[in-house]
Structure formats: C-alpha cells, structure tokens
Amino acid sequence: QVQLVESGGGLVQPGGSLRLSCAASGNIFSINIMGWYRQAPGKQRLLVARITGGGSTEYSDSVKGRFTISRDNAKNMVYLQKNSLKPGDTAVYYCYTPGYWGKGTLVTVSS
C-alpha cells in the first residue's frame, strides 16, 4: 500500500505562482513513476506532469514552460512548481503513482 497526501493548493491570482507538494508513505520502495493529474469541473482527469525515479520528466502541452515537476527521493516527496498561472489552470490537482491516488488539492486561479 502507498499513501499520497497533497498540500499547497489555494487561491492565486492570474500570473501568480504556487507550489504543490505530495508526500508518499507506505510501500515507497515500489515507487518509480510519480506524477500530477488535474480535473477541472465537469471535465475528465488529465495528466499534467510525471517524473521517473531517475528524474526524467514529461509534461502536457498546456503546461510546458510554466510548470516544473521535481522529486526528493530521500524525503519521499514530489513537487509541482506552477508559474504564470491562468484561470484555465483551475482544477483539483491529484498526486499519482501507478495504482494509487491522493485525495487532491484544489487550485483556483482567479482575480
């Protein structure tokens, strides 16, 4: 079993920045890929970014150049730094590793 707990969501103005954190616990030795998905109201859950244990990253086209995913394997943490936020980035953000999801953290981008 793996537990994922997100933090760092909130209200931010357009153009602002926010960093999400995800703490992993449990059977963490099995974790390789970790990532972030998001789900806007009325829409499906979509990949935002993911990172392998070796640090290779992948981003959705909508966030390339604005968001950065990183991880600290020693602390069992994964982060999502989000810059130049837009109203379209408003969503619940979920931390993910294959087979497991966090409960999500809400990010609202609004003036």
PDB file of N, CA and C in Angstrom:
ATOM      1  N   GLN A   1       0.839  -1.195   0.000  1.00  0.00           N
ATOM      2  CA  GLN A   1       0.000   0.000   0.000  1.00  0.00           C
ATOM      3  C   GLN A   1       0.873   1.244   0.000  1.00  0.00           C
ATOM      4  N   VAL A   2       0.420   2.239  -0.730  1.00  0.00           N
ATOM      5  CA  VAL A   2       1.088   3.537  -0.784  1.00  0.00           C
ATOM      6  C   VAL A   2       0.059   4.615  -0.461  1.00  0.00           C
ATOM      7  N   GLN A   3       0.431   5.553   0.372  1.00  0.00           N
ATOM      8  CA  GLN A   3      -0.431   6.690   0.670  1.00  0.00           C
ATOM      9  C   GLN A   3       0.210   7.952   0.090  1.00  0.00           C
ATOM     10  N   LEU A   4      -0.623   8.766  -0.528  1.00  0.00           N
ATOM     11  CA  LEU A   4      -0.175  10.016  -1.131  1.00  0.00           C
ATOM     12  C   LEU A   4      -1.008  11.152  -0.549  1.00  0.00           C
ATOM     13  N   VAL A   5      -0.344  12.175  -0.047  1.00  0.00           N
ATOM     14  CA  VAL A   5      -1.040  13.309   0.551  1.00  0.00           C
ATOM     15  C   VAL A   5      -0.534  14.595  -0.085  1.00  0.00           C
ATOM     16  N   GLU A   6      -1.459  15.305  -0.725  1.00  0.00           N
ATOM     17  CA  GLU A   6      -1.111  16.558  -1.385  1.00  0.00           C
ATOM     18  C   GLU A   6      -1.294  17.739  -0.441  1.00  0.00           C
ATOM     19  N   SER A   7      -0.552  18.802  -0.713  1.00  0.00           N
ATOM     20  CA  SER A   7      -0.720  20.057   0.004  1.00  0.00           C
ATOM     21  C   SER A   7      -0.274  21.203  -0.887  1.00  0.00           C
ATOM     22  N   GLY A   8      -0.677  22.417  -0.514  1.00  0.00           N
ATOM     23  CA  GLY A   8      -0.206  23.594  -1.228  1.00  0.00           C
ATOM     24  C   GLY A   8      -1.214  24.258  -2.129  1.00  0.00           C
ATOM     25  N   GLY A   9      -2.412  23.718  -2.228  1.00  0.00           N
ATOM     26  CA  GLY A   9      -3.422  24.349  -3.064  1.00  0.00           C
ATOM     27  C   GLY A   9      -3.950  25.632  -2.440  1.00  0.00           C
ATOM     28  N   GLY A  10      -4.744  26.340  -3.212  1.00  0.00           N
ATOM     29  CA  GLY A  10      -5.324  27.570  -2.701  1.00  0.00           C
ATOM     30  C   GLY A  10      -5.757  28.487  -3.819  1.00  0.00           C
ATOM     31  N   LEU A  11      -6.011  29.736  -3.444  1.00  0.00           N
ATOM     32  CA  LEU A  11      -6.446  30.757  -4.398  1.00  0.00           C
ATOM     33  C   LEU A  11      -5.243  31.605  -4.795  1.00  0.00           C
ATOM     34  N   VAL A  12      -5.077  31.800  -6.080  1.00  0.00           N
ATOM     35  CA  VAL A  12      -3.963  32.612  -6.575  1.00  0.00           C
ATOM     36  C   VAL A  12      -4.467  33.451  -7.748  1.00  0.00           C
ATOM     37  N   GLN A  13      -3.886  34.619  -7.900  1.00  0.00           N
ATOM     38  CA  GLN A  13      -4.276  35.496  -8.996  1.00  0.00           C
ATOM     39  C   GLN A  13      -3.627  35.066 -10.307  1.00  0.00           C
ATOM     40  N   PRO A  14      -4.260  35.379 -11.423  1.00  0.00           N
ATOM     41  CA  PRO A  14      -3.630  35.085 -12.723  1.00  0.00           C
ATOM     42  C   PRO A  14      -2.235  35.694 -12.792  1.00  0.00           C
ATOM     43  N   GLY A  15      -1.312  34.903 -13.331  1.00  0.00           N
ATOM     44  CA  GLY A  15       0.076  35.325 -13.398  1.00  0.00           C
ATOM     45  C   GLY A  15       0.895  34.949 -12.186  1.00  0.00           C
ATOM     46  N   GLY A  16       0.231  34.491 -11.152  1.00  0.00           N
ATOM     47  CA  GLY A  16       0.923  34.130  -9.923  1.00  0.00           C
ATOM     48  C   GLY A  16       1.532  32.744  -9.971  1.00  0.00           C
ATOM     49  N   SER A  17       2.121  32.367  -8.839  1.00  0.00           N
ATOM     50  CA  SER A  17       2.798  31.082  -8.722  1.00  0.00           C
ATOM     51  C   SER A  17       2.287  30.324  -7.502  1.00  0.00           C
ATOM     52  N   LEU A  18       2.473  29.026  -7.551  1.00  0.00           N
ATOM     53  CA  LEU A  18       2.060  28.161  -6.461  1.00  0.00           C
ATOM     54  C   LEU A  18       2.891  26.891  -6.551  1.00  0.00           C
ATOM     55  N   ARG A  19       3.225  26.333  -5.390  1.00  0.00           N
ATOM     56  CA  ARG A  19       3.931  25.052  -5.396  1.00  0.00           C
ATOM     57  C   ARG A  19       3.104  24.011  -4.658  1.00  0.00           C
ATOM     58  N   LEU A  20       2.835  22.928  -5.328  1.00  0.00           N
ATOM     59  CA  LEU A  20       2.147  21.801  -4.712  1.00  0.00           C
ATOM     60  C   LEU A  20       3.179  20.778  -4.241  1.00  0.00           C
ATOM     61  N   SER A  21       2.853  20.135  -3.134  1.00  0.00           N
ATOM     62  CA  SER A  21       3.709  19.091  -2.598  1.00  0.00           C
ATOM     63  C   SER A  21       2.903  17.817  -2.439  1.00  0.00           C
ATOM     64  N   CYS A  22       3.575  16.689  -2.572  1.00  0.00           N
ATOM     65  CA  CYS A  22       2.935  15.396  -2.354  1.00  0.00           C
ATOM     66  C   CYS A  22       3.884  14.534  -1.532  1.00  0.00           C
ATOM     67  N   ALA A  23       3.386  14.080  -0.393  1.00  0.00           N
ATOM     68  CA  ALA A  23       4.172  13.212   0.480  1.00  0.00           C
ATOM     69  C   ALA A  23       3.732  11.772   0.283  1.00  0.00           C
ATOM     70  N   ALA A  24       4.678  10.909   0.019  1.00  0.00           N
ATOM     71  CA  ALA A  24       4.399   9.486  -0.162  1.00  0.00           C
ATOM     72  C   ALA A  24       4.832   8.718   1.076  1.00  0.00           C
ATOM     73  N   SER A  25       4.024   7.746   1.456  1.00  0.00           N
ATOM     74  CA  SER A  25       4.366   6.892   2.588  1.00  0.00           C
ATOM     75  C   SER A  25       3.856   5.486   2.311  1.00  0.00           C
ATOM     76  N   GLY A  26       4.283   4.562   3.141  1.00  0.00           N
ATOM     77  CA  GLY A  26       3.884   3.176   2.955  1.00  0.00           C
ATOM     78  C   GLY A  26       4.951   2.406   2.194  1.00  0.00           C
ATOM     79  N   ASN A  27       4.544   1.605   1.241  1.00  0.00           N
ATOM     80  CA  ASN A  27       5.462   0.760   0.491  1.00  0.00           C
ATOM     81  C   ASN A  27       6.153   1.582  -0.599  1.00  0.00           C
ATOM     82  N   ILE A  28       6.930   2.552  -0.160  1.00  0.00           N
ATOM     83  CA  ILE A  28       7.506   3.509  -1.096  1.00  0.00           C
ATOM     84  C   ILE A  28       8.619   2.923  -1.939  1.00  0.00           C
ATOM     85  N   PHE A  29       9.147   1.781  -1.543  1.00  0.00           N
ATOM     86  CA  PHE A  29      10.241   1.186  -2.310  1.00  0.00           C
ATOM     87  C   PHE A  29       9.778   0.749  -3.689  1.00  0.00           C
ATOM     88  N   SER A  30       8.475   0.599  -3.864  1.00  0.00           N
ATOM     89  CA  SER A  30       7.951   0.174  -5.157  1.00  0.00           C
ATOM     90  C   SER A  30       7.720   1.345  -6.100  1.00  0.00           C
ATOM     91  N   ILE A  31       7.884   2.565  -5.582  1.00  0.00           N
ATOM     92  CA  ILE A  31       7.551   3.739  -6.383  1.00  0.00           C
ATOM     93  C   ILE A  31       8.649   4.074  -7.373  1.00  0.00           C
ATOM     94  N   ASN A  32       8.277   4.195  -8.638  1.00  0.00           N
ATOM     95  CA  ASN A  32       9.195   4.723  -9.654  1.00  0.00           C
ATOM     96  C   ASN A  32       8.574   5.991 -10.222  1.00  0.00           C
ATOM     97  N   ILE A  33       7.535   5.829 -11.025  1.00  0.00           N
ATOM     98  CA  ILE A  33       6.898   6.992 -11.630  1.00  0.00           C
ATOM     99  C   ILE A  33       5.964   7.661 -10.623  1.00  0.00           C
ATOM    100  N   MET A  34       6.081   8.975 -10.544  1.00  0.00           N
ATOM    101  CA  MET A  34       5.130   9.791  -9.793  1.00  0.00           C
ATOM    102  C   MET A  34       4.692  10.935 -10.687  1.00  0.00           C
ATOM    103  N   GLY A  35       3.493  11.399 -10.441  1.00  0.00           N
ATOM    104  CA  GLY A  35       3.010  12.465 -11.311  1.00  0.00           C
ATOM    105  C   GLY A  35       1.881  13.255 -10.706  1.00  0.00           C
ATOM    106  N   TRP A  36       1.469  14.244 -11.465  1.00  0.00           N
ATOM    107  CA  TRP A  36       0.343  15.091 -11.110  1.00  0.00           C
ATOM    108  C   TRP A  36      -0.684  15.057 -12.244  1.00  0.00           C
ATOM    109  N   TYR A  37      -1.921  14.868 -11.859  1.00  0.00           N
ATOM    110  CA  TYR A  37      -3.049  14.995 -12.764  1.00  0.00           C
ATOM    111  C   TYR A  37      -3.913  16.141 -12.254  1.00  0.00           C
ATOM    112  N   ARG A  38      -4.801  16.615 -13.109  1.00  0.00           N
ATOM    113  CA  ARG A  38      -5.757  17.612 -12.645  1.00  0.00           C
ATOM    114  C   ARG A  38      -7.118  17.350 -13.281  1.00  0.00           C
ATOM    115  N   GLN A  39      -8.140  17.793 -12.566  1.00  0.00           N
ATOM    116  CA  GLN A  39      -9.512  17.622 -13.037  1.00  0.00           C
ATOM    117  C   GLN A  39     -10.266  18.912 -12.807  1.00  0.00           C
ATOM    118  N   ALA A  40     -10.615  19.567 -13.903  1.00  0.00           N
ATOM    119  CA  ALA A  40     -11.419  20.782 -13.822  1.00  0.00           C
ATOM    120  C   ALA A  40     -12.889  20.393 -13.698  1.00  0.00           C
ATOM    121  N   PRO A  41     -13.723  21.290 -13.182  1.00  0.00           N
ATOM    122  CA  PRO A  41     -15.149  20.972 -13.012  1.00  0.00           C
ATOM    123  C   PRO A  41     -15.787  20.524 -14.325  1.00  0.00           C
ATOM    124  N   GLY A  42     -16.441  19.383 -14.282  1.00  0.00           N
ATOM    125  CA  GLY A  42     -17.132  18.882 -15.450  1.00  0.00           C
ATOM    126  C   GLY A  42     -16.259  18.266 -16.518  1.00  0.00           C
ATOM    127  N   LYS A  43     -14.963  18.118 -16.224  1.00  0.00           N
ATOM    128  CA  LYS A  43     -14.040  17.576 -17.224  1.00  0.00           C
ATOM    129  C   LYS A  43     -13.342  16.337 -16.682  1.00  0.00           C
ATOM    130  N   GLN A  44     -12.689  15.631 -17.571  1.00  0.00           N
ATOM    131  CA  GLN A  44     -12.010  14.407 -17.146  1.00  0.00           C
ATOM    132  C   GLN A  44     -10.661  14.733 -16.524  1.00  0.00           C
ATOM    133  N   ARG A  45     -10.137  13.771 -15.785  1.00  0.00           N
ATOM    134  CA  ARG A  45      -8.850  13.930 -15.145  1.00  0.00           C
ATOM    135  C   ARG A  45      -7.749  13.738 -16.193  1.00  0.00           C
ATOM    136  N   LEU A  46      -6.836  14.681 -16.258  1.00  0.00           N
ATOM    137  CA  LEU A  46      -5.802  14.664 -17.284  1.00  0.00           C
ATOM    138  C   LEU A  46      -4.414  14.781 -16.676  1.00  0.00           C
ATOM    139  N   LEU A  47      -3.441  14.170 -17.348  1.00  0.00           N
ATOM    140  CA  LEU A  47      -2.061  14.254 -16.900  1.00  0.00           C
ATOM    141  C   LEU A  47      -1.538  15.678 -17.021  1.00  0.00           C
ATOM    142  N   VAL A  48      -0.857  16.127 -15.990  1.00  0.00           N
ATOM    143  CA  VAL A  48      -0.172  17.417 -16.022  1.00  0.00           C
ATOM    144  C   VAL A  48       1.328  17.198 -16.232  1.00  0.00           C
ATOM    145  N   ALA A  49       1.907  16.363 -15.385  1.00  0.00           N
ATOM    146  CA  ALA A  49       3.349  16.105 -15.474  1.00  0.00           C
ATOM    147  C   ALA A  49       3.655  14.825 -14.716  1.00  0.00           C
ATOM    148  N   ARG A  50       4.743  14.168 -15.117  1.00  0.00           N
ATOM    149  CA  ARG A  50       5.194  12.996 -14.372  1.00  0.00           C
ATOM    150  C   ARG A  50       6.710  12.921 -14.419  1.00  0.00           C
ATOM    151  N   ILE A  51       7.246  12.179 -13.461  1.00  0.00           N
ATOM    152  CA  ILE A  51       8.692  12.103 -13.311  1.00  0.00           C
ATOM    153  C   ILE A  51       9.056  10.687 -12.893  1.00  0.00           C
ATOM    154  N   THR A  52      10.135  10.168 -13.460  1.00  0.00           N
ATOM    155  CA  THR A  52      10.603   8.838 -13.087  1.00  0.00           C
ATOM    156  C   THR A  52      11.549   8.927 -11.892  1.00  0.00           C
ATOM    157  N   GLY A  53      11.885   7.778 -11.351  1.00  0.00           N
ATOM    158  CA  GLY A  53      12.827   7.755 -10.246  1.00  0.00           C
ATOM    159  C   GLY A  53      14.183   8.329 -10.621  1.00  0.00           C
ATOM    160  N   GLY A  54      14.537   8.222 -11.898  1.00  0.00           N
ATOM    161  CA  GLY A  54      15.802   8.748 -12.382  1.00  0.00           C
ATOM    162  C   GLY A  54      15.754  10.216 -12.751  1.00  0.00           C
ATOM    163  N   GLY A  55      14.556  10.814 -12.686  1.00  0.00           N
ATOM    164  CA  GLY A  55      14.435  12.246 -12.934  1.00  0.00           C
ATOM    165  C   GLY A  55      13.973  12.642 -14.314  1.00  0.00           C
ATOM    166  N   SER A  56      13.650  11.678 -15.171  1.00  0.00           N
ATOM    167  CA  SER A  56      13.109  12.031 -16.478  1.00  0.00           C
ATOM    168  C   SER A  56      11.701  12.567 -16.317  1.00  0.00           C
ATOM    169  N   THR A  57      11.396  13.624 -17.063  1.00  0.00           N
ATOM    170  CA  THR A  57      10.111  14.284 -16.900  1.00  0.00           C
ATOM    171  C   THR A  57       9.310  14.318 -18.201  1.00  0.00           C
ATOM    172  N   GLU A  58       8.012  14.486 -18.021  1.00  0.00           N
ATOM    173  CA  GLU A  58       7.093  14.613 -19.149  1.00  0.00           C
ATOM    174  C   GLU A  58       6.007  15.586 -18.741  1.00  0.00           C
ATOM    175  N   TYR A  59       5.631  16.462 -19.666  1.00  0.00           N
ATOM    176  CA  TYR A  59       4.614  17.474 -19.375  1.00  0.00           C
ATOM    177  C   TYR A  59       3.536  17.481 -20.446  1.00  0.00           C
ATOM    178  N   SER A  60       2.332  17.865 -20.037  1.00  0.00           N
ATOM    179  CA  SER A  60       1.301  18.109 -21.022  1.00  0.00           C
ATOM    180  C   SER A  60       1.638  19.406 -21.761  1.00  0.00           C
ATOM    181  N   ASP A  61       1.176  19.515 -22.984  1.00  0.00           N
ATOM    182  CA  ASP A  61       1.479  20.709 -23.784  1.00  0.00           C
ATOM    183  C   ASP A  61       0.956  21.975 -23.125  1.00  0.00           C
ATOM    184  N   SER A  62      -0.122  21.864 -22.386  1.00  0.00           N
ATOM    185  CA  SER A  62      -0.757  23.047 -21.813  1.00  0.00           C
ATOM    186  C   SER A  62       0.054  23.683 -20.689  1.00  0.00           C
ATOM    187  N   VAL A  63       1.013  22.945 -20.133  1.00  0.00           N
ATOM    188  CA  VAL A  63       1.781  23.486 -19.002  1.00  0.00           C
ATOM    189  C   VAL A  63       3.269  23.580 -19.279  1.00  0.00           C
ATOM    190  N   LYS A  64       3.720  23.110 -20.436  1.00  0.00           N
ATOM    191  CA  LYS A  64       5.141  23.166 -20.754  1.00  0.00           C
ATOM    192  C   LYS A  64       5.659  24.589 -20.679  1.00  0.00           C
ATOM    193  N   GLY A  65       6.788  24.753 -20.015  1.00  0.00           N
ATOM    194  CA  GLY A  65       7.379  26.075 -19.871  1.00  0.00           C
ATOM    195  C   GLY A  65       6.853  26.862 -18.697  1.00  0.00           C
ATOM    196  N   ARG A  66       5.774  26.404 -18.079  1.00  0.00           N
ATOM    197  CA  ARG A  66       5.192  27.112 -16.927  1.00  0.00           C
ATOM    198  C   ARG A  66       5.282  26.296 -15.644  1.00  0.00           C
ATOM    199  N   PHE A  67       5.144  24.991 -15.762  1.00  0.00           N
ATOM    200  CA  PHE A  67       5.150  24.103 -14.605  1.00  0.00           C
ATOM    201  C   PHE A  67       6.439  23.278 -14.600  1.00  0.00           C
ATOM    202  N   THR A  68       6.906  22.968 -13.400  1.00  0.00           N
ATOM    203  CA  THR A  68       8.083  22.126 -13.242  1.00  0.00           C
ATOM    204  C   THR A  68       7.822  21.077 -12.175  1.00  0.00           C
ATOM    205  N   ILE A  69       7.999  19.819 -12.548  1.00  0.00           N
ATOM    206  CA  ILE A  69       7.857  18.732 -11.584  1.00  0.00           C
ATOM    207  C   ILE A  69       9.236  18.330 -11.082  1.00  0.00           C
ATOM    208  N   SER A  70       9.311  18.026  -9.802  1.00  0.00           N
ATOM    209  CA  SER A  70      10.575  17.578  -9.229  1.00  0.00           C
ATOM    210  C   SER A  70      10.272  16.604  -8.095  1.00  0.00           C
ATOM    211  N   ARG A  71      11.295  15.913  -7.651  1.00  0.00           N
ATOM    212  CA  ARG A  71      11.086  14.970  -6.555  1.00  0.00           C
ATOM    213  C   ARG A  71      12.323  14.935  -5.685  1.00  0.00           C
ATOM    214  N   ASP A  72      12.095  14.588  -4.431  1.00  0.00           N
ATOM    215  CA  ASP A  72      13.169  14.388  -3.464  1.00  0.00           C
ATOM    216  C   ASP A  72      13.018  12.966  -2.963  1.00  0.00           C
ATOM    217  N   ASN A  73      13.802  12.055  -3.508  1.00  0.00           N
ATOM    218  CA  ASN A  73      13.650  10.646  -3.162  1.00  0.00           C
ATOM    219  C   ASN A  73      13.996  10.382  -1.693  1.00  0.00           C
ATOM    220  N   ALA A  74      14.897  11.176  -1.145  1.00  0.00           N
ATOM    221  CA  ALA A  74      15.278  10.974   0.259  1.00  0.00           C
ATOM    222  C   ALA A  74      14.124  11.303   1.196  1.00  0.00           C
ATOM    223  N   LYS A  75      13.297  12.265   0.783  1.00  0.00           N
ATOM    224  CA  LYS A  75      12.176  12.690   1.621  1.00  0.00           C
ATOM    225  C   LYS A  75      10.850  12.092   1.155  1.00  0.00           C
ATOM    226  N   ASN A  76      10.892  11.320   0.077  1.00  0.00           N
ATOM    227  CA  ASN A  76       9.670  10.715  -0.478  1.00  0.00           C
ATOM    228  C   ASN A  76       8.647  11.779  -0.850  1.00  0.00           C
ATOM    229  N   MET A  77       9.136  12.822  -1.490  1.00  0.00           N
ATOM    230  CA  MET A  77       8.281  13.944  -1.860  1.00  0.00           C
ATOM    231  C   MET A  77       8.343  14.176  -3.366  1.00  0.00           C
ATOM    232  N   VAL A  78       7.237  14.654  -3.918  1.00  0.00           N
ATOM    233  CA  VAL A  78       7.215  15.139  -5.288  1.00  0.00           C
ATOM    234  C   VAL A  78       6.545  16.508  -5.276  1.00  0.00           C
ATOM    235  N   TYR A  79       7.043  17.391  -6.108  1.00  0.00           N
ATOM    236  CA  TYR A  79       6.577  18.772  -6.116  1.00  0.00           C
ATOM    237  C   TYR A  79       6.117  19.179  -7.512  1.00  0.00           C
ATOM    238  N   LEU A  80       5.249  20.171  -7.549  1.00  0.00           N
ATOM    239  CA  LEU A  80       4.851  20.774  -8.812  1.00  0.00           C
ATOM    240  C   LEU A  80       4.898  22.284  -8.638  1.00  0.00           C
ATOM    241  N   GLN A  81       5.908  22.898  -9.222  1.00  0.00           N
ATOM    242  CA  GLN A  81       6.022  24.348  -9.208  1.00  0.00           C
ATOM    243  C   GLN A  81       5.256  24.900 -10.392  1.00  0.00           C
ATOM    244  N   LYS A  82       4.316  25.778 -10.110  1.00  0.00           N
ATOM    245  CA  LYS A  82       3.450  26.298 -11.151  1.00  0.00           C
ATOM    246  C   LYS A  82       3.610  27.807 -11.233  1.00  0.00           C
ATOM    247  N   ASN A  83       4.053  28.270 -12.373  1.00  0.00           N
ATOM    248  CA  ASN A  83       4.245  29.693 -12.609  1.00  0.00           C
ATOM    249  C   ASN A  83       3.322  30.179 -13.720  1.00  0.00           C
ATOM    250  N   SER A  84       3.179  31.489 -13.812  1.00  0.00           N
ATOM    251  CA  SER A  84       2.349  32.101 -14.855  1.00  0.00           C
ATOM    252  C   SER A  84       0.972  31.450 -14.925  1.00  0.00           C
ATOM    253  N   LEU A  85       0.351  31.332 -13.774  1.00  0.00           N
ATOM    254  CA  LEU A  85      -0.929  30.624 -13.701  1.00  0.00           C
ATOM    255  C   LEU A  85      -2.028  31.366 -14.449  1.00  0.00           C
ATOM    256  N   LYS A  86      -2.903  30.572 -15.034  1.00  0.00           N
ATOM    257  CA  LYS A  86      -4.029  31.097 -15.803  1.00  0.00           C
ATOM    258  C   LYS A  86      -5.330  30.589 -15.203  1.00  0.00           C
ATOM    259  N   PRO A  87      -6.441  31.277 -15.442  1.00  0.00           N
ATOM    260  CA  PRO A  87      -7.730  30.762 -14.942  1.00  0.00           C
ATOM    261  C   PRO A  87      -7.997  29.330 -15.408  1.00  0.00           C
ATOM    262  N   GLY A  88      -7.517  28.975 -16.579  1.00  0.00           N
ATOM    263  CA  GLY A  88      -7.706  27.625 -17.096  1.00  0.00           C
ATOM    264  C   GLY A  88      -6.950  26.559 -16.320  1.00  0.00           C
ATOM    265  N   ASP A  89      -6.067  26.981 -15.429  1.00  0.00           N
ATOM    266  CA  ASP A  89      -5.359  26.024 -14.575  1.00  0.00           C
ATOM    267  C   ASP A  89      -6.163  25.658 -13.334  1.00  0.00           C
ATOM    268  N   THR A  90      -7.306  26.289 -13.157  1.00  0.00           N
ATOM    269  CA  THR A  90      -8.165  25.973 -12.015  1.00  0.00           C
ATOM    270  C   THR A  90      -8.635  24.532 -12.094  1.00  0.00           C
ATOM    271  N   ALA A  91      -8.374  23.789 -11.039  1.00  0.00           N
ATOM    272  CA  ALA A  91      -8.718  22.366 -11.030  1.00  0.00           C
ATOM    273  C   ALA A  91      -8.365  21.782  -9.667  1.00  0.00           C
ATOM    274  N   VAL A  92      -8.824  20.563  -9.449  1.00  0.00           N
ATOM    275  CA  VAL A  92      -8.306  19.763  -8.339  1.00  0.00           C
ATOM    276  C   VAL A  92      -7.090  19.014  -8.879  1.00  0.00           C
ATOM    277  N   TYR A  93      -5.984  19.135  -8.178  1.00  0.00           N
ATOM    278  CA  TYR A  93      -4.735  18.500  -8.582  1.00  0.00           C
ATOM    279  C   TYR A  93      -4.503  17.260  -7.733  1.00  0.00           C
ATOM    280  N   TYR A  94      -4.229  16.157  -8.411  1.00  0.00           N
ATOM    281  CA  TYR A  94      -4.050  14.869  -7.756  1.00  0.00           C
ATOM    282  C   TYR A  94      -2.626  14.375  -7.944  1.00  0.00           C
ATOM    283  N   CYS A  95      -2.058  13.904  -6.863  1.00  0.00           N
ATOM    284  CA  CYS A  95      -0.777  13.211  -6.918  1.00  0.00           C
ATOM    285  C   CYS A  95      -1.038  11.756  -7.277  1.00  0.00           C
ATOM    286  N   TYR A  96      -0.120  11.187  -8.038  1.00  0.00           N
ATOM    287  CA  TYR A  96      -0.355   9.858  -8.589  1.00  0.00           C
ATOM    288  C   TYR A  96       0.943   9.054  -8.648  1.00  0.00           C
ATOM    289  N   THR A  97       0.829   7.778  -8.346  1.00  0.00           N
ATOM    290  CA  THR A  97       1.824   6.782  -8.700  1.00  0.00           C
ATOM    291  C   THR A  97       1.028   5.564  -9.136  1.00  0.00           C
ATOM    292  N   PRO A  98       1.506   4.789 -10.082  1.00  0.00           N
ATOM    293  CA  PRO A  98       0.671   3.720 -10.640  1.00  0.00           C
ATOM    294  C   PRO A  98      -0.024   2.877  -9.564  1.00  0.00           C
ATOM    295  N   GLY A  99      -1.337   2.878  -9.625  1.00  0.00           N
ATOM    296  CA  GLY A  99      -2.151   2.125  -8.686  1.00  0.00           C
ATOM    297  C   GLY A  99      -2.680   2.926  -7.515  1.00  0.00           C
ATOM    298  N   TYR A 100      -2.186   4.159  -7.352  1.00  0.00           N
ATOM    299  CA  TYR A 100      -2.568   4.936  -6.181  1.00  0.00           C
ATOM    300  C   TYR A 100      -2.793   6.413  -6.535  1.00  0.00           C
ATOM    301  N   TRP A 101      -3.751   7.010  -5.825  1.00  0.00           N
ATOM    302  CA  TRP A 101      -4.067   8.424  -5.987  1.00  0.00           C
ATOM    303  C   TRP A 101      -4.128   9.084  -4.621  1.00  0.00           C
ATOM    304  N   GLY A 102      -3.743  10.363  -4.582  1.00  0.00           N
ATOM    305  CA  GLY A 102      -4.051  11.161  -3.420  1.00  0.00           C
ATOM    306  C   GLY A 102      -5.486  11.651  -3.494  1.00  0.00           C
ATOM    307  N   LYS A 103      -5.909  12.385  -2.458  1.00  0.00           N
ATOM    308  CA  LYS A 103      -7.289  12.869  -2.416  1.00  0.00           C
ATOM    309  C   LYS A 103      -7.465  14.170  -3.179  1.00  0.00           C
ATOM    310  N   GLY A 104      -6.368  14.812  -3.516  1.00  0.00           N
ATOM    311  CA  GLY A 104      -6.434  16.019  -4.327  1.00  0.00           C
ATOM    312  C   GLY A 104      -6.366  17.290  -3.514  1.00  0.00           C
ATOM    313  N   THR A 105      -5.918  18.354  -4.180  1.00  0.00           N
ATOM    314  CA  THR A 105      -5.880  19.678  -3.575  1.00  0.00           C
ATOM    315  C   THR A 105      -6.374  20.674  -4.619  1.00  0.00           C
ATOM    316  N   LEU A 106      -7.248  21.569  -4.184  1.00  0.00           N
ATOM    317  CA  LEU A 106      -7.903  22.497  -5.102  1.00  0.00           C
ATOM    318  C   LEU A 106      -7.024  23.713  -5.341  1.00  0.00           C
ATOM    319  N   VAL A 107      -6.853  24.037  -6.611  1.00  0.00           N
ATOM    320  CA  VAL A 107      -6.165  25.257  -7.018  1.00  0.00           C
ATOM    321  C   VAL A 107      -7.154  26.111  -7.802  1.00  0.00           C
ATOM    322  N   THR A 108      -7.343  27.330  -7.344  1.00  0.00           N
ATOM    323  CA  THR A 108      -8.242  28.259  -8.017  1.00  0.00           C
ATOM    324  C   THR A 108      -7.438  29.465  -8.470  1.00  0.00           C
ATOM    325  N   VAL A 109      -7.494  29.739  -9.752  1.00  0.00           N
ATOM    326  CA  VAL A 109      -6.789  30.889 -10.311  1.00  0.00           C
ATOM    327  C   VAL A 109      -7.841  31.924 -10.707  1.00  0.00           C
ATOM    328  N   SER A 110      -7.878  32.994  -9.967  1.00  0.00           N
ATOM    329  CA  SER A 110      -8.924  33.991 -10.183  1.00  0.00           C
ATOM    330  C   SER A 110      -8.497  35.323  -9.590  1.00  0.00           C
ATOM    331  N   SER A 111      -8.968  36.395 -10.221  1.00  0.00           N
ATOM    332  CA  SER A 111      -8.707  37.729  -9.690  1.00  0.00           C
ATOM    333  C   SER A 111      -9.852  38.190  -8.799  1.00  0.00           C
TER     334      SER A 111
END
